[in-house]
Amino acid sequence: METRMYRLTMTLLVGISTLGLAACDRMTDEARDEHVGQRVSIDQVPPAVKATIEQESRGGTVKEIDKLPQPEDGKSVYSAEILISGKEQEALISEDGRVLVRRAHRKDEDDD
């Protein structure tokens, strides 16, 4: 009886721990998205942002676009990584199409 109770207790602990770890992993992914942004395609951005990205990337290639977390004013900001003449640059663009920041792209840990 004691061995059976011990096994049941251990099985429950392992099961609860597994569920807890799975929930933590999901929360970590959500927190990352909240701080890093959500990858979007050129067709998913507002028309003004699309026009600005196309203008900024003339003669180059758009590598990726991220919709960044909304600032306190509730307006979205988009980050576009653009490759022109072998040089990477990043443009931060407001939802109304204004370029807020234009800079050389910074290498992140997840960049190849």
PDB file of N, CA and C in Angstrom:
ATOM      1  N   MET A   1       0.828  -1.190   0.000  1.00  0.00           N
ATOM      2  CA  MET A   1       0.000   0.000   0.000  1.00  0.00           C
ATOM      3  C   MET A   1       0.875   1.257   0.000  1.00  0.00           C
ATOM      4  N   GLU A   2       1.903   1.268   0.825  1.00  0.00           N
ATOM      5  CA  GLU A   2       2.792   2.422   0.916  1.00  0.00           C
ATOM      6  C   GLU A   2       3.523   2.652  -0.411  1.00  0.00           C
ATOM      7  N   THR A   3       3.963   1.582  -1.077  1.00  0.00           N
ATOM      8  CA  THR A   3       4.656   1.684  -2.359  1.00  0.00           C
ATOM      9  C   THR A   3       3.711   2.227  -3.426  1.00  0.00           C
ATOM     10  N   ARG A   4       2.481   1.790  -3.389  1.00  0.00           N
ATOM     11  CA  ARG A   4       1.485   2.237  -4.339  1.00  0.00           C
ATOM     12  C   ARG A   4       1.214   3.742  -4.167  1.00  0.00           C
ATOM     13  N   MET A   5       1.105   4.184  -2.951  1.00  0.00           N
ATOM     14  CA  MET A   5       0.882   5.598  -2.650  1.00  0.00           C
ATOM     15  C   MET A   5       2.095   6.426  -3.085  1.00  0.00           C
ATOM     16  N   TYR A   6       3.289   5.904  -2.864  1.00  0.00           N
ATOM     17  CA  TYR A   6       4.519   6.580  -3.276  1.00  0.00           C
ATOM     18  C   TYR A   6       4.553   6.737  -4.798  1.00  0.00           C
ATOM     19  N   ARG A   7       4.224   5.674  -5.522  1.00  0.00           N
ATOM     20  CA  ARG A   7       4.217   5.738  -6.987  1.00  0.00           C
ATOM     21  C   ARG A   7       3.180   6.732  -7.495  1.00  0.00           C
ATOM     22  N   LEU A   8       2.017   6.715  -6.893  1.00  0.00           N
ATOM     23  CA  LEU A   8       0.962   7.646  -7.276  1.00  0.00           C
ATOM     24  C   LEU A   8       1.407   9.086  -7.032  1.00  0.00           C
ATOM     25  N   THR A   9       2.014   9.327  -5.888  1.00  0.00           N
ATOM     26  CA  THR A   9       2.504  10.667  -5.560  1.00  0.00           C
ATOM     27  C   THR A   9       3.571  11.108  -6.547  1.00  0.00           C
ATOM     28  N   MET A  10       4.507  10.235  -6.868  1.00  0.00           N
ATOM     29  CA  MET A  10       5.583  10.573  -7.805  1.00  0.00           C
ATOM     30  C   MET A  10       5.024  10.817  -9.210  1.00  0.00           C
ATOM     31  N   THR A  11       4.085  10.017  -9.619  1.00  0.00           N
ATOM     32  CA  THR A  11       3.468  10.187 -10.935  1.00  0.00           C
ATOM     33  C   THR A  11       2.767  11.537 -11.018  1.00  0.00           C
ATOM     34  N   LEU A  12       2.045  11.892  -9.979  1.00  0.00           N
ATOM     35  CA  LEU A  12       1.367  13.187  -9.944  1.00  0.00           C
ATOM     36  C   LEU A  12       2.366  14.339  -9.966  1.00  0.00           C
ATOM     37  N   LEU A  13       3.443  14.226  -9.215  1.00  0.00           N
ATOM     38  CA  LEU A  13       4.464  15.276  -9.203  1.00  0.00           C
ATOM     39  C   LEU A  13       5.103  15.458 -10.577  1.00  0.00           C
ATOM     40  N   VAL A  14       5.419  14.360 -11.237  1.00  0.00           N
ATOM     41  CA  VAL A  14       6.011  14.435 -12.576  1.00  0.00           C
ATOM     42  C   VAL A  14       5.020  15.060 -13.544  1.00  0.00           C
ATOM     43  N   GLY A  15       3.763  14.655 -13.467  1.00  0.00           N
ATOM     44  CA  GLY A  15       2.742  15.204 -14.359  1.00  0.00           C
ATOM     45  C   GLY A  15       2.534  16.689 -14.142  1.00  0.00           C
ATOM     46  N   ILE A  16       2.437  17.102 -12.907  1.00  0.00           N
ATOM     47  CA  ILE A  16       2.245  18.521 -12.599  1.00  0.00           C
ATOM     48  C   ILE A  16       3.474  19.330 -13.020  1.00  0.00           C
ATOM     49  N   SER A  17       4.655  18.791 -12.797  1.00  0.00           N
ATOM     50  CA  SER A  17       5.888  19.482 -13.208  1.00  0.00           C
ATOM     51  C   SER A  17       5.938  19.652 -14.716  1.00  0.00           C
ATOM     52  N   THR A  18       5.551  18.625 -15.442  1.00  0.00           N
ATOM     53  CA  THR A  18       5.546  18.689 -16.909  1.00  0.00           C
ATOM     54  C   THR A  18       4.588  19.766 -17.391  1.00  0.00           C
ATOM     55  N   LEU A  19       3.395  19.817 -16.817  1.00  0.00           N
ATOM     56  CA  LEU A  19       2.430  20.845 -17.195  1.00  0.00           C
ATOM     57  C   LEU A  19       2.953  22.241 -16.861  1.00  0.00           C
ATOM     58  N   GLY A  20       3.588  22.367 -15.709  1.00  0.00           N
ATOM     59  CA  GLY A  20       4.152  23.660 -15.309  1.00  0.00           C
ATOM     60  C   GLY A  20       5.235  24.121 -16.258  1.00  0.00           C
ATOM     61  N   LEU A  21       6.116  23.213 -16.676  1.00  0.00           N
ATOM     62  CA  LEU A  21       7.190  23.573 -17.608  1.00  0.00           C
ATOM     63  C   LEU A  21       6.632  23.954 -18.974  1.00  0.00           C
ATOM     64  N   ALA A  22       5.612  23.242 -19.413  1.00  0.00           N
ATOM     65  CA  ALA A  22       4.996  23.568 -20.699  1.00  0.00           C
ATOM     66  C   ALA A  22       4.371  24.963 -20.649  1.00  0.00           C
ATOM     67  N   ALA A  23       3.729  25.291 -19.552  1.00  0.00           N
ATOM     68  CA  ALA A  23       3.121  26.620 -19.403  1.00  0.00           C
ATOM     69  C   ALA A  23       4.193  27.700 -19.372  1.00  0.00           C
ATOM     70  N   CYS A  24       5.303  27.450 -18.694  1.00  0.00           N
ATOM     71  CA  CYS A  24       6.405  28.423 -18.648  1.00  0.00           C
ATOM     72  C   CYS A  24       6.986  28.640 -20.032  1.00  0.00           C
ATOM     73  N   ASP A  25       7.137  27.577 -20.794  1.00  0.00           N
ATOM     74  CA  ASP A  25       7.691  27.690 -22.137  1.00  0.00           C
ATOM     75  C   ASP A  25       6.779  28.544 -23.008  1.00  0.00           C
ATOM     76  N   ARG A  26       5.485  28.327 -22.897  1.00  0.00           N
ATOM     77  CA  ARG A  26       4.528  29.113 -23.681  1.00  0.00           C
ATOM     78  C   ARG A  26       4.562  30.569 -23.262  1.00  0.00           C
ATOM     79  N   MET A  27       4.645  30.827 -21.964  1.00  0.00           N
ATOM     80  CA  MET A  27       4.697  32.198 -21.477  1.00  0.00           C
ATOM     81  C   MET A  27       5.977  32.884 -21.949  1.00  0.00           C
ATOM     82  N   THR A  28       7.073  32.142 -22.020  1.00  0.00           N
ATOM     83  CA  THR A  28       8.327  32.708 -22.489  1.00  0.00           C
ATOM     84  C   THR A  28       8.201  33.118 -23.945  1.00  0.00           C
ATOM     85  N   ASP A  29       7.579  32.282 -24.784  1.00  0.00           N
ATOM     86  CA  ASP A  29       7.371  32.622 -26.188  1.00  0.00           C
ATOM     87  C   ASP A  29       6.500  33.868 -26.322  1.00  0.00           C
ATOM     88  N   GLU A  30       5.440  33.954 -25.512  1.00  0.00           N
ATOM     89  CA  GLU A  30       4.561  35.112 -25.573  1.00  0.00           C
ATOM     90  C   GLU A  30       5.287  36.373 -25.110  1.00  0.00           C
ATOM     91  N   ALA A  31       6.103  36.260 -24.066  1.00  0.00           N
ATOM     92  CA  ALA A  31       6.860  37.407 -23.574  1.00  0.00           C
ATOM     93  C   ALA A  31       7.867  37.855 -24.618  1.00  0.00           C
ATOM     94  N   ARG A  32       8.485  36.914 -25.321  1.00  0.00           N
ATOM     95  CA  ARG A  32       9.443  37.262 -26.372  1.00  0.00           C
ATOM     96  C   ARG A  32       8.735  38.028 -27.479  1.00  0.00           C
ATOM     97  N   ASP A  33       7.576  37.536 -27.902  1.00  0.00           N
ATOM     98  CA  ASP A  33       6.814  38.221 -28.940  1.00  0.00           C
ATOM     99  C   ASP A  33       6.404  39.619 -28.493  1.00  0.00           C
ATOM    100  N   GLU A  34       6.097  39.751 -27.197  1.00  0.00           N
ATOM    101  CA  GLU A  34       5.669  41.027 -26.658  1.00  0.00           C
ATOM    102  C   GLU A  34       6.793  42.054 -26.694  1.00  0.00           C
ATOM    103  N   HIS A  35       8.049  41.611 -26.532  1.00  0.00           N
ATOM    104  CA  HIS A  35       9.177  42.530 -26.496  1.00  0.00           C
ATOM    105  C   HIS A  35       9.904  42.620 -27.827  1.00  0.00           C
ATOM    106  N   VAL A  36       9.923  41.573 -28.591  1.00  0.00           N
ATOM    107  CA  VAL A  36      10.665  41.546 -29.843  1.00  0.00           C
ATOM    108  C   VAL A  36       9.799  41.991 -31.007  1.00  0.00           C
ATOM    109  N   GLY A  37       8.581  41.611 -31.006  1.00  0.00           N
ATOM    110  CA  GLY A  37       7.701  41.932 -32.119  1.00  0.00           C
ATOM    111  C   GLY A  37       7.241  40.685 -32.834  1.00  0.00           C
ATOM    112  N   GLN A  38       6.341  40.897 -33.745  1.00  0.00           N
ATOM    113  CA  GLN A  38       5.750  39.788 -34.488  1.00  0.00           C
ATOM    114  C   GLN A  38       6.158  39.916 -35.951  1.00  0.00           C
ATOM    115  N   ARG A  39       6.706  38.854 -36.515  1.00  0.00           N
ATOM    116  CA  ARG A  39       7.124  38.860 -37.918  1.00  0.00           C
ATOM    117  C   ARG A  39       5.888  38.943 -38.798  1.00  0.00           C
ATOM    118  N   VAL A  40       5.912  39.858 -39.759  1.00  0.00           N
ATOM    119  CA  VAL A  40       4.794  40.026 -40.685  1.00  0.00           C
ATOM    120  C   VAL A  40       5.327  40.107 -42.112  1.00  0.00           C
ATOM    121  N   SER A  41       4.444  39.898 -43.076  1.00  0.00           N
ATOM    122  CA  SER A  41       4.832  40.026 -44.482  1.00  0.00           C
ATOM    123  C   SER A  41       4.482  41.430 -44.961  1.00  0.00           C
ATOM    124  N   ILE A  42       5.007  41.792 -46.102  1.00  0.00           N
ATOM    125  CA  ILE A  42       4.749  43.118 -46.668  1.00  0.00           C
ATOM    126  C   ILE A  42       3.258  43.320 -46.927  1.00  0.00           C
ATOM    127  N   ASP A  43       2.529  42.241 -47.184  1.00  0.00           N
ATOM    128  CA  ASP A  43       1.091  42.338 -47.439  1.00  0.00           C
ATOM    129  C   ASP A  43       0.279  42.538 -46.167  1.00  0.00           C
ATOM    130  N   GLN A  44       0.905  42.361 -44.994  1.00  0.00           N
ATOM    131  CA  GLN A  44       0.192  42.494 -43.727  1.00  0.00           C
ATOM    132  C   GLN A  44       0.354  43.877 -43.086  1.00  0.00           C
ATOM    133  N   VAL A  45       1.148  44.743 -43.683  1.00  0.00           N
ATOM    134  CA  VAL A  45       1.354  46.069 -43.104  1.00  0.00           C
ATOM    135  C   VAL A  45       0.385  47.063 -43.734  1.00  0.00           C
ATOM    136  N   PRO A  46       0.105  48.164 -43.050  1.00  0.00           N
ATOM    137  CA  PRO A  46      -0.788  49.179 -43.623  1.00  0.00           C
ATOM    138  C   PRO A  46      -0.213  49.744 -44.929  1.00  0.00           C
ATOM    139  N   PRO A  47      -1.076  50.220 -45.816  1.00  0.00           N
ATOM    140  CA  PRO A  47      -0.614  50.742 -47.110  1.00  0.00           C
ATOM    141  C   PRO A  47       0.487  51.805 -46.997  1.00  0.00           C
ATOM    142  N   ALA A  48       0.374  52.710 -46.023  1.00  0.00           N
ATOM    143  CA  ALA A  48       1.392  53.762 -45.864  1.00  0.00           C
ATOM    144  C   ALA A  48       2.749  53.162 -45.498  1.00  0.00           C
ATOM    145  N   VAL A  49       2.745  52.144 -44.656  1.00  0.00           N
ATOM    146  CA  VAL A  49       3.988  51.473 -44.257  1.00  0.00           C
ATOM    147  C   VAL A  49       4.571  50.724 -45.453  1.00  0.00           C
ATOM    148  N   LYS A  50       3.712  50.058 -46.203  1.00  0.00           N
ATOM    149  CA  LYS A  50       4.161  49.313 -47.383  1.00  0.00           C
ATOM    150  C   LYS A  50       4.831  50.253 -48.388  1.00  0.00           C
ATOM    151  N   ALA A  51       4.212  51.400 -48.633  1.00  0.00           N
ATOM    152  CA  ALA A  51       4.784  52.363 -49.579  1.00  0.00           C
ATOM    153  C   ALA A  51       6.152  52.853 -49.103  1.00  0.00           C
ATOM    154  N   THR A  52       6.282  53.112 -47.810  1.00  0.00           N
ATOM    155  CA  THR A  52       7.557  53.585 -47.268  1.00  0.00           C
ATOM    156  C   THR A  52       8.621  52.502 -47.364  1.00  0.00           C
ATOM    157  N   ILE A  53       8.257  51.261 -47.041  1.00  0.00           N
ATOM    158  CA  ILE A  53       9.222  50.155 -47.132  1.00  0.00           C
ATOM    159  C   ILE A  53       9.680  49.986 -48.578  1.00  0.00           C
ATOM    160  N   GLU A  54       8.749  50.060 -49.508  1.00  0.00           N
ATOM    161  CA  GLU A  54       9.117  49.925 -50.925  1.00  0.00           C
ATOM    162  C   GLU A  54      10.049  51.056 -51.353  1.00  0.00           C
ATOM    163  N   GLN A  55       9.793  52.260 -50.869  1.00  0.00           N
ATOM    164  CA  GLN A  55      10.649  53.406 -51.198  1.00  0.00           C
ATOM    165  C   GLN A  55      12.038  53.233 -50.553  1.00  0.00           C
ATOM    166  N   GLU A  56      12.071  52.825 -49.288  1.00  0.00           N
ATOM    167  CA  GLU A  56      13.336  52.645 -48.571  1.00  0.00           C
ATOM    168  C   GLU A  56      14.185  51.516 -49.153  1.00  0.00           C
ATOM    169  N   SER A  57      13.528  50.523 -49.744  1.00  0.00           N
ATOM    170  CA  SER A  57      14.255  49.341 -50.219  1.00  0.00           C
ATOM    171  C   SER A  57      14.545  49.373 -51.713  1.00  0.00           C
ATOM    172  N   ARG A  58      14.299  50.497 -52.385  1.00  0.00           N
ATOM    173  CA  ARG A  58      14.593  50.585 -53.819  1.00  0.00           C
ATOM    174  C   ARG A  58      16.034  50.195 -54.076  1.00  0.00           C
ATOM    175  N   GLY A  59      16.222  49.268 -55.020  1.00  0.00           N
ATOM    176  CA  GLY A  59      17.560  48.802 -55.343  1.00  0.00           C
ATOM    177  C   GLY A  59      18.091  47.781 -54.351  1.00  0.00           C
ATOM    178  N   GLY A  60      17.247  47.325 -53.446  1.00  0.00           N
ATOM    179  CA  GLY A  60      17.665  46.356 -52.431  1.00  0.00           C
ATOM    180  C   GLY A  60      16.609  45.299 -52.205  1.00  0.00           C
ATOM    181  N   THR A  61      16.766  44.584 -51.107  1.00  0.00           N
ATOM    182  CA  THR A  61      15.862  43.489 -50.759  1.00  0.00           C
ATOM    183  C   THR A  61      15.385  43.648 -49.324  1.00  0.00           C
ATOM    184  N   VAL A  62      14.095  43.462 -49.112  1.00  0.00           N
ATOM    185  CA  VAL A  62      13.552  43.471 -47.760  1.00  0.00           C
ATOM    186  C   VAL A  62      13.782  42.089 -47.163  1.00  0.00           C
ATOM    187  N   LYS A  63      14.576  42.012 -46.087  1.00  0.00           N
ATOM    188  CA  LYS A  63      14.880  40.730 -45.456  1.00  0.00           C
ATOM    189  C   LYS A  63      13.751  40.286 -44.531  1.00  0.00           C
ATOM    190  N   GLU A  64      13.288  41.207 -43.677  1.00  0.00           N
ATOM    191  CA  GLU A  64      12.195  40.863 -42.769  1.00  0.00           C
ATOM    192  C   GLU A  64      11.528  42.131 -42.257  1.00  0.00           C
ATOM    193  N   ILE A  65      10.283  41.942 -41.818  1.00  0.00           N
ATOM    194  CA  ILE A  65       9.510  43.039 -41.256  1.00  0.00           C
ATOM    195  C   ILE A  65       8.913  42.537 -39.945  1.00  0.00           C
ATOM    196  N   ASP A  66       9.056  43.338 -38.899  1.00  0.00           N
ATOM    197  CA  ASP A  66       8.481  43.008 -37.597  1.00  0.00           C
ATOM    198  C   ASP A  66       7.525  44.105 -37.173  1.00  0.00           C
ATOM    199  N   LYS A  67       6.371  43.693 -36.652  1.00  0.00           N
ATOM    200  CA  LYS A  67       5.450  44.648 -36.034  1.00  0.00           C
ATOM    201  C   LYS A  67       5.840  44.683 -34.568  1.00  0.00           C
ATOM    202  N   LEU A  68       6.312  45.839 -34.125  1.00  0.00           N
ATOM    203  CA  LEU A  68       6.815  45.967 -32.761  1.00  0.00           C
ATOM    204  C   LEU A  68       5.676  46.213 -31.791  1.00  0.00           C
ATOM    205  N   PRO A  69       5.921  45.931 -30.509  1.00  0.00           N
ATOM    206  CA  PRO A  69       4.881  46.173 -29.506  1.00  0.00           C
ATOM    207  C   PRO A  69       4.444  47.635 -29.545  1.00  0.00           C
ATOM    208  N   GLN A  70       3.175  47.841 -29.321  1.00  0.00           N
ATOM    209  CA  GLN A  70       2.644  49.193 -29.387  1.00  0.00           C
ATOM    210  C   GLN A  70       3.122  50.020 -28.198  1.00  0.00           C
ATOM    211  N   PRO A  71       3.602  51.230 -28.483  1.00  0.00           N
ATOM    212  CA  PRO A  71       3.975  52.119 -27.391  1.00  0.00           C
ATOM    213  C   PRO A  71       2.731  52.582 -26.652  1.00  0.00           C
ATOM    214  N   GLU A  72       2.924  53.420 -25.675  1.00  0.00           N
ATOM    215  CA  GLU A  72       1.806  53.864 -24.844  1.00  0.00           C
ATOM    216  C   GLU A  72       0.710  54.563 -25.632  1.00  0.00           C
ATOM    217  N   ASP A  73       1.047  55.170 -26.771  1.00  0.00           N
ATOM    218  CA  ASP A  73       0.019  55.884 -27.540  1.00  0.00           C
ATOM    219  C   ASP A  73      -0.854  54.938 -28.365  1.00  0.00           C
ATOM    220  N   GLY A  74      -0.511  53.633 -28.396  1.00  0.00           N
ATOM    221  CA  GLY A  74      -1.336  52.642 -29.075  1.00  0.00           C
ATOM    222  C   GLY A  74      -1.101  52.530 -30.569  1.00  0.00           C
ATOM    223  N   LYS A  75      -0.149  53.304 -31.110  1.00  0.00           N
ATOM    224  CA  LYS A  75       0.129  53.244 -32.543  1.00  0.00           C
ATOM    225  C   LYS A  75       1.242  52.240 -32.810  1.00  0.00           C
ATOM    226  N   SER A  76       1.050  51.453 -33.845  1.00  0.00           N
ATOM    227  CA  SER A  76       2.033  50.423 -34.185  1.00  0.00           C
ATOM    228  C   SER A  76       3.267  51.034 -34.837  1.00  0.00           C
ATOM    229  N   VAL A  77       4.400  50.347 -34.619  1.00  0.00           N
ATOM    230  CA  VAL A  77       5.659  50.711 -35.263  1.00  0.00           C
ATOM    231  C   VAL A  77       6.183  49.447 -35.929  1.00  0.00           C
ATOM    232  N   TYR A  78       6.725  49.603 -37.123  1.00  0.00           N
ATOM    233  CA  TYR A  78       7.237  48.468 -37.885  1.00  0.00           C
ATOM    234  C   TYR A  78       8.738  48.620 -38.072  1.00  0.00           C
ATOM    235  N   SER A  79       9.443  47.510 -37.967  1.00  0.00           N
ATOM    236  CA  SER A  79      10.878  47.471 -38.195  1.00  0.00           C
ATOM    237  C   SER A  79      11.117  46.689 -39.481  1.00  0.00           C
ATOM    238  N   ALA A  80      11.787  47.333 -40.437  1.00  0.00           N
ATOM    239  CA  ALA A  80      12.091  46.670 -41.706  1.00  0.00           C
ATOM    240  C   ALA A  80      13.606  46.534 -41.840  1.00  0.00           C
ATOM    241  N   GLU A  81      14.064  45.299 -42.041  1.00  0.00           N
ATOM    242  CA  GLU A  81      15.479  45.060 -42.306  1.00  0.00           C
ATOM    243  C   GLU A  81      15.657  44.966 -43.810  1.00  0.00           C
ATOM    244  N   ILE A  82      16.554  45.805 -44.317  1.00  0.00           N
ATOM    245  CA  ILE A  82      16.721  45.940 -45.761  1.00  0.00           C
ATOM    246  C   ILE A  82      18.189  45.732 -46.115  1.00  0.00           C
ATOM    247  N   LEU A  83      18.439  44.986 -47.186  1.00  0.00           N
ATOM    248  CA  LEU A  83      19.797  44.738 -47.674  1.00  0.00           C
ATOM    249  C   LEU A  83      19.976  45.521 -48.971  1.00  0.00           C
ATOM    250  N   ILE A  84      20.903  46.492 -48.950  1.00  0.00           N
ATOM    251  CA  ILE A  84      21.193  47.304 -50.132  1.00  0.00           C
ATOM    252  C   ILE A  84      22.698  47.315 -50.349  1.00  0.00           C
ATOM    253  N   SER A  85      23.119  46.890 -51.516  1.00  0.00           N
ATOM    254  CA  SER A  85      24.550  46.855 -51.877  1.00  0.00           C
ATOM    255  C   SER A  85      25.380  46.116 -50.838  1.00  0.00           C
ATOM    256  N   GLY A  86      24.842  45.018 -50.333  1.00  0.00           N
ATOM    257  CA  GLY A  86      25.570  44.196 -49.379  1.00  0.00           C
ATOM    258  C   GLY A  86      25.574  44.721 -47.952  1.00  0.00           C
ATOM    259  N   LYS A  87      24.923  45.838 -47.701  1.00  0.00           N
ATOM    260  CA  LYS A  87      24.865  46.417 -46.360  1.00  0.00           C
ATOM    261  C   LYS A  87      23.450  46.329 -45.819  1.00  0.00           C
ATOM    262  N   GLU A  88      23.354  45.886 -44.569  1.00  0.00           N
ATOM    263  CA  GLU A  88      22.048  45.779 -43.928  1.00  0.00           C
ATOM    264  C   GLU A  88      21.719  47.073 -43.211  1.00  0.00           C
ATOM    265  N   GLN A  89      20.484  47.504 -43.384  1.00  0.00           N
ATOM    266  CA  GLN A  89      20.017  48.660 -42.629  1.00  0.00           C
ATOM    267  C   GLN A  89      18.641  48.353 -42.067  1.00  0.00           C
ATOM    268  N   GLU A  90      18.262  49.119 -41.080  1.00  0.00           N
ATOM    269  CA  GLU A  90      16.963  48.948 -40.439  1.00  0.00           C
ATOM    270  C   GLU A  90      16.246  50.282 -40.468  1.00  0.00           C
ATOM    271  N   ALA A  91      14.971  50.240 -40.765  1.00  0.00           N
ATOM    272  CA  ALA A  91      14.137  51.435 -40.720  1.00  0.00           C
ATOM    273  C   ALA A  91      12.981  51.164 -39.773  1.00  0.00           C
ATOM    274  N   LEU A  92      12.761  52.065 -38.832  1.00  0.00           N
ATOM    275  CA  LEU A  92      11.601  51.991 -37.957  1.00  0.00           C
ATOM    276  C   LEU A  92      10.566  52.943 -38.542  1.00  0.00           C
ATOM    277  N   ILE A  93       9.377  52.407 -38.799  1.00  0.00           N
ATOM    278  CA  ILE A  93       8.351  53.146 -39.538  1.00  0.00           C
ATOM    279  C   ILE A  93       7.061  53.167 -38.732  1.00  0.00           C
ATOM    280  N   SER A  94       6.489  54.356 -38.570  1.00  0.00           N
ATOM    281  CA  SER A  94       5.216  54.474 -37.856  1.00  0.00           C
ATOM    282  C   SER A  94       4.089  53.981 -38.761  1.00  0.00           C
ATOM    283  N   GLU A  95       2.934  53.727 -38.164  1.00  0.00           N
ATOM    284  CA  GLU A  95       1.827  53.178 -38.949  1.00  0.00           C
ATOM    285  C   GLU A  95       1.308  54.163 -39.997  1.00  0.00           C
ATOM    286  N   ASP A  96       1.679  55.437 -39.875  1.00  0.00           N
ATOM    287  CA  ASP A  96       1.267  56.409 -40.898  1.00  0.00           C
ATOM    288  C   ASP A  96       2.320  56.552 -42.005  1.00  0.00           C
ATOM    289  N   GLY A  97       3.385  55.727 -41.949  1.00  0.00           N
ATOM    290  CA  GLY A  97       4.374  55.693 -43.016  1.00  0.00           C
ATOM    291  C   GLY A  97       5.599  56.564 -42.808  1.00  0.00           C
ATOM    292  N   ARG A  98       5.667  57.288 -41.694  1.00  0.00           N
ATOM    293  CA  ARG A  98       6.838  58.126 -41.424  1.00  0.00           C
ATOM    294  C   ARG A  98       8.012  57.270 -40.960  1.00  0.00           C
ATOM    295  N   VAL A  99       9.207  57.580 -41.482  1.00  0.00           N
ATOM    296  CA  VAL A  99      10.417  56.899 -41.011  1.00  0.00           C
ATOM    297  C   VAL A  99      10.822  57.573 -39.709  1.00  0.00           C
ATOM    298  N   LEU A 100      10.808  56.796 -38.628  1.00  0.00           N
ATOM    299  CA  LEU A 100      11.171  57.327 -37.317  1.00  0.00           C
ATOM    300  C   LEU A 100      12.678  57.255 -37.095  1.00  0.00           C
ATOM    301  N   VAL A 101      13.274  56.139 -37.533  1.00  0.00           N
ATOM    302  CA  VAL A 101      14.710  55.907 -37.359  1.00  0.00           C
ATOM    303  C   VAL A 101      15.218  55.150 -38.571  1.00  0.00           C
ATOM    304  N   ARG A 102      16.393  55.520 -39.012  1.00  0.00           N
ATOM    305  CA  ARG A 102      17.065  54.798 -40.088  1.00  0.00           C
ATOM    306  C   ARG A 102      18.492  54.578 -39.598  1.00  0.00           C
ATOM    307  N   ARG A 103      18.935  53.329 -39.555  1.00  0.00           N
ATOM    308  CA  ARG A 103      20.268  53.040 -39.018  1.00  0.00           C
ATOM    309  C   ARG A 103      20.828  51.760 -39.613  1.00  0.00           C
ATOM    310  N   ALA A 104      22.144  51.592 -39.442  1.00  0.00           N
ATOM    311  CA  ALA A 104      22.770  50.334 -39.844  1.00  0.00           C
ATOM    312  C   ALA A 104      22.189  49.246 -38.959  1.00  0.00           C
ATOM    313  N   HIS A 105      21.914  48.098 -39.546  1.00  0.00           N
ATOM    314  CA  HIS A 105      21.305  46.984 -38.801  1.00  0.00           C
ATOM    315  C   HIS A 105      22.261  46.464 -37.758  1.00  0.00           C
ATOM    316  N   ARG A 106      21.743  46.235 -36.543  1.00  0.00           N
ATOM    317  CA  ARG A 106      22.528  45.659 -35.452  1.00  0.00           C
ATOM    318  C   ARG A 106      22.352  44.152 -35.475  1.00  0.00           C
ATOM    319  N   LYS A 107      23.438  43.419 -35.332  1.00  0.00           N
ATOM    320  CA  LYS A 107      23.366  41.960 -35.291  1.00  0.00           C
ATOM    321  C   LYS A 107      22.780  41.517 -33.957  1.00  0.00           C
ATOM    322  N   ASP A 108      21.765  40.635 -34.019  1.00  0.00           N
ATOM    323  CA  ASP A 108      21.178  40.043 -32.824  1.00  0.00           C
ATOM    324  C   ASP A 108      21.683  38.625 -32.681  1.00  0.00           C
ATOM    325  N   GLU A 109      21.396  38.028 -31.531  1.00  0.00           N
ATOM    326  CA  GLU A 109      21.827  36.651 -31.270  1.00  0.00           C
ATOM    327  C   GLU A 109      21.223  35.676 -32.251  1.00  0.00           C
ATOM    328  N   ASP A 110      19.994  35.958 -32.740  1.00  0.00           N
ATOM    329  CA  ASP A 110      19.328  35.002 -33.630  1.00  0.00           C
ATOM    330  C   ASP A 110      19.614  35.262 -35.095  1.00  0.00           C
ATOM    331  N   ASP A 111      20.454  36.259 -35.422  1.00  0.00           N
ATOM    332  CA  ASP A 111      20.826  36.497 -36.802  1.00  0.00           C
ATOM    333  C   ASP A 111      21.853  35.474 -37.237  1.00  0.00           C
ATOM    334  N   ASP A 112      21.784  35.107 -38.528  1.00  0.00           N
ATOM    335  CA  ASP A 112      22.734  34.130 -39.066  1.00  0.00           C
ATOM    336  C   ASP A 112      24.041  34.779 -39.424  1.00  0.00           C
TER     337      ASP A 112
END
